[in-house]
């Protein structure tokens, strides 16, 4: 019978992080033995933090200007994509806001690179935006790309001293 340590061992995943910020997804994944093979972020201050902490070069270009051929192959794509277009705290312009259309850049990359797994994160308001039609568009787009989907709203209060619901 395998030891408990051996049972916990898992294959290391190669991941990319879009809209990386200062590396929230990256931090968790690297601590669990996975390897970041590419990160993209346009904010110069977030890039400084990411590169200093992770010793990983960040591609600073607008993701719309990045050819999928320039993105390394990966097992896992992680994305906390811009939420302002869907948040109840904003104007809720959805796909009429340039930031809202960035979801389709994620779909473009998923279509071209076909990683086995992905994790997307956004505000809970994405579920109710445009009476649910926006979320339905996202789900159908991902389904058309051949992915089996599951989603859940999680509250950070189980891990952090704040009450913040996010859709994963």
Protein backbone atom coordinates (compact mmCIF):
# COMPACT_ATOMS: atom_id res chain seq x y z
CA UNK A 1 0.00 0.00 0.00
CA UNK A 2 1.42 3.46 -0.92
CA UNK A 3 2.41 5.78 1.89
CA UNK A 4 0.24 8.80 2.70
CA UNK A 5 3.01 11.05 1.45
CA UNK A 6 3.06 9.27 -1.90
CA UNK A 7 -0.74 9.47 -2.12
CA UNK A 8 -0.58 13.27 -1.74
CA UNK A 9 2.03 13.68 -4.46
CA UNK A 10 0.64 15.01 -7.70
CA UNK A 11 1.99 15.79 -11.11
CA UNK A 12 3.33 19.29 -11.34
CA UNK A 13 1.26 21.46 -13.68
CA UNK A 14 2.58 24.12 -16.03
CA UNK A 15 0.31 27.14 -15.76
CA UNK A 16 -0.12 30.58 -17.25
CA UNK A 17 -1.68 33.51 -15.41
CA UNK A 18 -3.64 36.18 -17.30
CA UNK A 19 -4.46 39.55 -15.73
CA UNK A 20 -1.94 38.36 -13.16
CA UNK A 21 -1.97 41.37 -10.87
CA UNK A 22 0.52 40.67 -8.10
CA UNK A 23 0.10 36.91 -8.45
CA UNK A 24 -2.70 35.66 -6.23
CA UNK A 25 -3.27 32.49 -8.24
CA UNK A 26 0.44 32.09 -8.85
CA UNK A 27 1.28 32.22 -5.17
CA UNK A 28 -1.07 29.35 -4.33
CA UNK A 29 -0.04 27.24 -7.32
CA UNK A 30 3.71 27.68 -6.85
CA UNK A 31 3.40 26.83 -3.15
CA UNK A 32 1.78 23.56 -4.25
CA UNK A 33 4.66 22.71 -6.58
CA UNK A 34 3.31 23.95 -9.91
CA UNK A 35 5.31 26.04 -12.39
CA UNK A 36 4.36 29.34 -13.99
CA UNK A 37 5.49 29.28 -17.63
CA UNK A 38 4.05 32.68 -18.63
CA UNK A 39 2.25 35.59 -17.01
CA UNK A 40 0.54 38.62 -18.51
CA UNK A 41 -0.27 41.91 -16.77
CA UNK A 42 -0.26 45.48 -18.05
CA UNK A 43 -0.10 47.45 -14.75
CA UNK A 44 3.54 48.49 -14.23
CA UNK A 45 3.36 48.46 -10.42
CA UNK A 46 1.75 45.02 -10.28
CA UNK A 47 4.42 43.77 -12.71
CA UNK A 48 7.18 45.07 -10.42
CA UNK A 49 5.73 43.16 -7.47
CA UNK A 50 5.14 39.99 -9.48
CA UNK A 51 8.60 39.90 -11.02
CA UNK A 52 10.35 40.67 -7.76
CA UNK A 53 8.45 38.10 -5.73
CA UNK A 54 8.22 35.26 -8.27
CA UNK A 55 11.42 35.92 -10.26
CA UNK A 56 9.27 35.45 -13.38
CA UNK A 57 9.29 37.84 -16.32
CA UNK A 58 5.79 39.22 -16.99
CA UNK A 59 4.58 40.04 -20.50
CA UNK A 60 3.31 43.64 -20.15
CA UNK A 61 1.38 43.84 -23.42
CA UNK A 62 -2.35 44.26 -23.78
CA UNK A 63 -3.57 40.67 -24.08
CA UNK A 64 -5.40 41.60 -27.29
CA UNK A 65 -2.00 42.23 -28.93
CA UNK A 66 -0.53 38.85 -27.94
CA UNK A 67 -0.55 36.11 -30.56
CA UNK A 68 -1.50 32.72 -29.14
CA UNK A 69 1.63 31.36 -30.82
CA UNK A 70 3.69 33.43 -28.37
CA UNK A 71 2.03 31.80 -25.36
CA UNK A 72 3.74 28.63 -24.12
CA UNK A 73 1.81 25.37 -23.93
CA UNK A 74 0.36 24.82 -20.48
CA UNK A 75 -1.81 22.46 -18.46
CA UNK A 76 -3.73 25.09 -16.52
CA UNK A 77 -4.86 28.62 -17.32
CA UNK A 78 -5.75 30.83 -14.35
CA UNK A 79 -7.52 34.15 -14.74
CA UNK A 80 -9.04 36.75 -12.48
CA UNK A 81 -10.42 38.79 -15.35
CA UNK A 82 -11.51 42.44 -15.05
CA UNK A 83 -14.75 42.72 -13.11
CA UNK A 84 -15.70 46.40 -13.41
CA UNK A 85 -18.07 45.73 -16.31
CA UNK A 86 -20.07 43.20 -14.27
CA UNK A 87 -19.84 44.46 -10.69
CA UNK A 88 -22.84 45.93 -8.90
CA UNK A 89 -20.39 48.62 -7.74
CA UNK A 90 -19.85 49.74 -11.35
CA UNK A 91 -21.91 50.81 -14.35
CA UNK A 92 -22.53 47.15 -15.31
CA UNK A 93 -21.95 47.80 -19.02
CA UNK A 94 -20.96 44.15 -19.57
CA UNK A 95 -19.83 43.30 -23.07
CA UNK A 96 -20.44 46.95 -24.08
CA UNK A 97 -17.42 47.85 -21.91
CA UNK A 98 -14.00 47.02 -23.38
CA UNK A 99 -13.03 45.41 -20.08
CA UNK A 100 -16.06 43.14 -20.34
CA UNK A 101 -15.01 41.90 -23.77
CA UNK A 102 -11.68 40.65 -22.37
CA UNK A 103 -13.43 37.38 -21.56
CA UNK A 104 -13.34 36.65 -25.30
CA UNK A 105 -9.54 36.93 -25.20
CA UNK A 106 -9.56 34.15 -22.61
CA UNK A 107 -11.75 32.09 -24.94
CA UNK A 108 -9.36 32.81 -27.84
CA UNK A 109 -6.43 31.48 -25.81
CA UNK A 110 -8.37 28.45 -24.55
CA UNK A 111 -9.38 27.63 -28.12
CA UNK A 112 -5.83 27.87 -29.46
CA UNK A 113 -3.91 26.28 -26.59
CA UNK A 114 -6.47 23.77 -25.25
CA UNK A 115 -5.11 23.41 -21.70
CA UNK A 116 -6.60 20.50 -19.74
CA UNK A 117 -7.85 22.81 -16.98
CA UNK A 118 -8.71 26.42 -16.32
CA UNK A 119 -9.91 28.50 -13.39
CA UNK A 120 -11.72 31.78 -13.96
CA UNK A 121 -12.57 34.18 -11.15
CA UNK A 122 -14.86 37.20 -11.11
CA UNK A 123 -17.47 39.03 -9.02
CA UNK A 124 -20.71 37.36 -7.95
CA UNK A 125 -22.56 40.07 -9.94
CA UNK A 126 -21.50 38.29 -13.14
CA UNK A 127 -24.25 35.73 -12.43
CA UNK A 128 -27.03 38.32 -12.48
CA UNK A 129 -25.63 40.72 -15.07
CA UNK A 130 -28.12 41.38 -17.90
CA UNK A 131 -30.63 39.05 -16.24
CA UNK A 132 -28.16 36.15 -16.48
CA UNK A 133 -27.57 36.45 -20.22
CA UNK A 134 -23.92 37.46 -19.83
CA UNK A 135 -23.14 34.42 -17.71
CA UNK A 136 -25.07 32.21 -20.14
CA UNK A 137 -22.92 33.56 -22.99
CA UNK A 138 -19.75 32.79 -21.04
CA UNK A 139 -20.91 29.28 -20.17
CA UNK A 140 -22.02 28.50 -23.73
CA UNK A 141 -18.74 29.85 -25.16
CA UNK A 142 -16.70 27.62 -22.86
CA UNK A 143 -18.97 24.66 -23.56
CA UNK A 144 -18.53 25.16 -27.31
CA UNK A 145 -14.77 24.96 -26.76
CA UNK A 146 -15.31 21.47 -25.36
CA UNK A 147 -14.86 22.09 -21.65
CA UNK A 148 -16.88 20.39 -18.91
CA UNK A 149 -17.81 23.23 -16.57
CA UNK A 150 -18.54 23.66 -12.90
CA UNK A 151 -18.94 26.95 -11.07
CA UNK A 152 -19.39 28.08 -7.50
CA UNK A 153 -19.58 31.27 -5.44
CA UNK A 154 -17.09 31.25 -2.57
CA UNK A 155 -16.76 33.73 0.26
CA UNK A 156 -13.26 34.70 1.34
CA UNK A 157 -14.33 34.92 4.99
CA UNK A 158 -13.29 31.29 5.50
CA UNK A 159 -9.67 32.22 4.78
CA UNK A 160 -9.36 35.99 5.25
CA UNK A 161 -10.82 38.57 7.64
CA UNK A 162 -13.16 39.99 5.00
CA UNK A 163 -16.58 39.20 3.57
CA UNK A 164 -16.10 38.99 -0.20
CA UNK A 165 -18.04 36.67 -2.47
CA UNK A 166 -16.36 35.64 -5.72
CA UNK A 167 -17.48 33.44 -8.58
CA UNK A 168 -15.09 30.64 -9.61
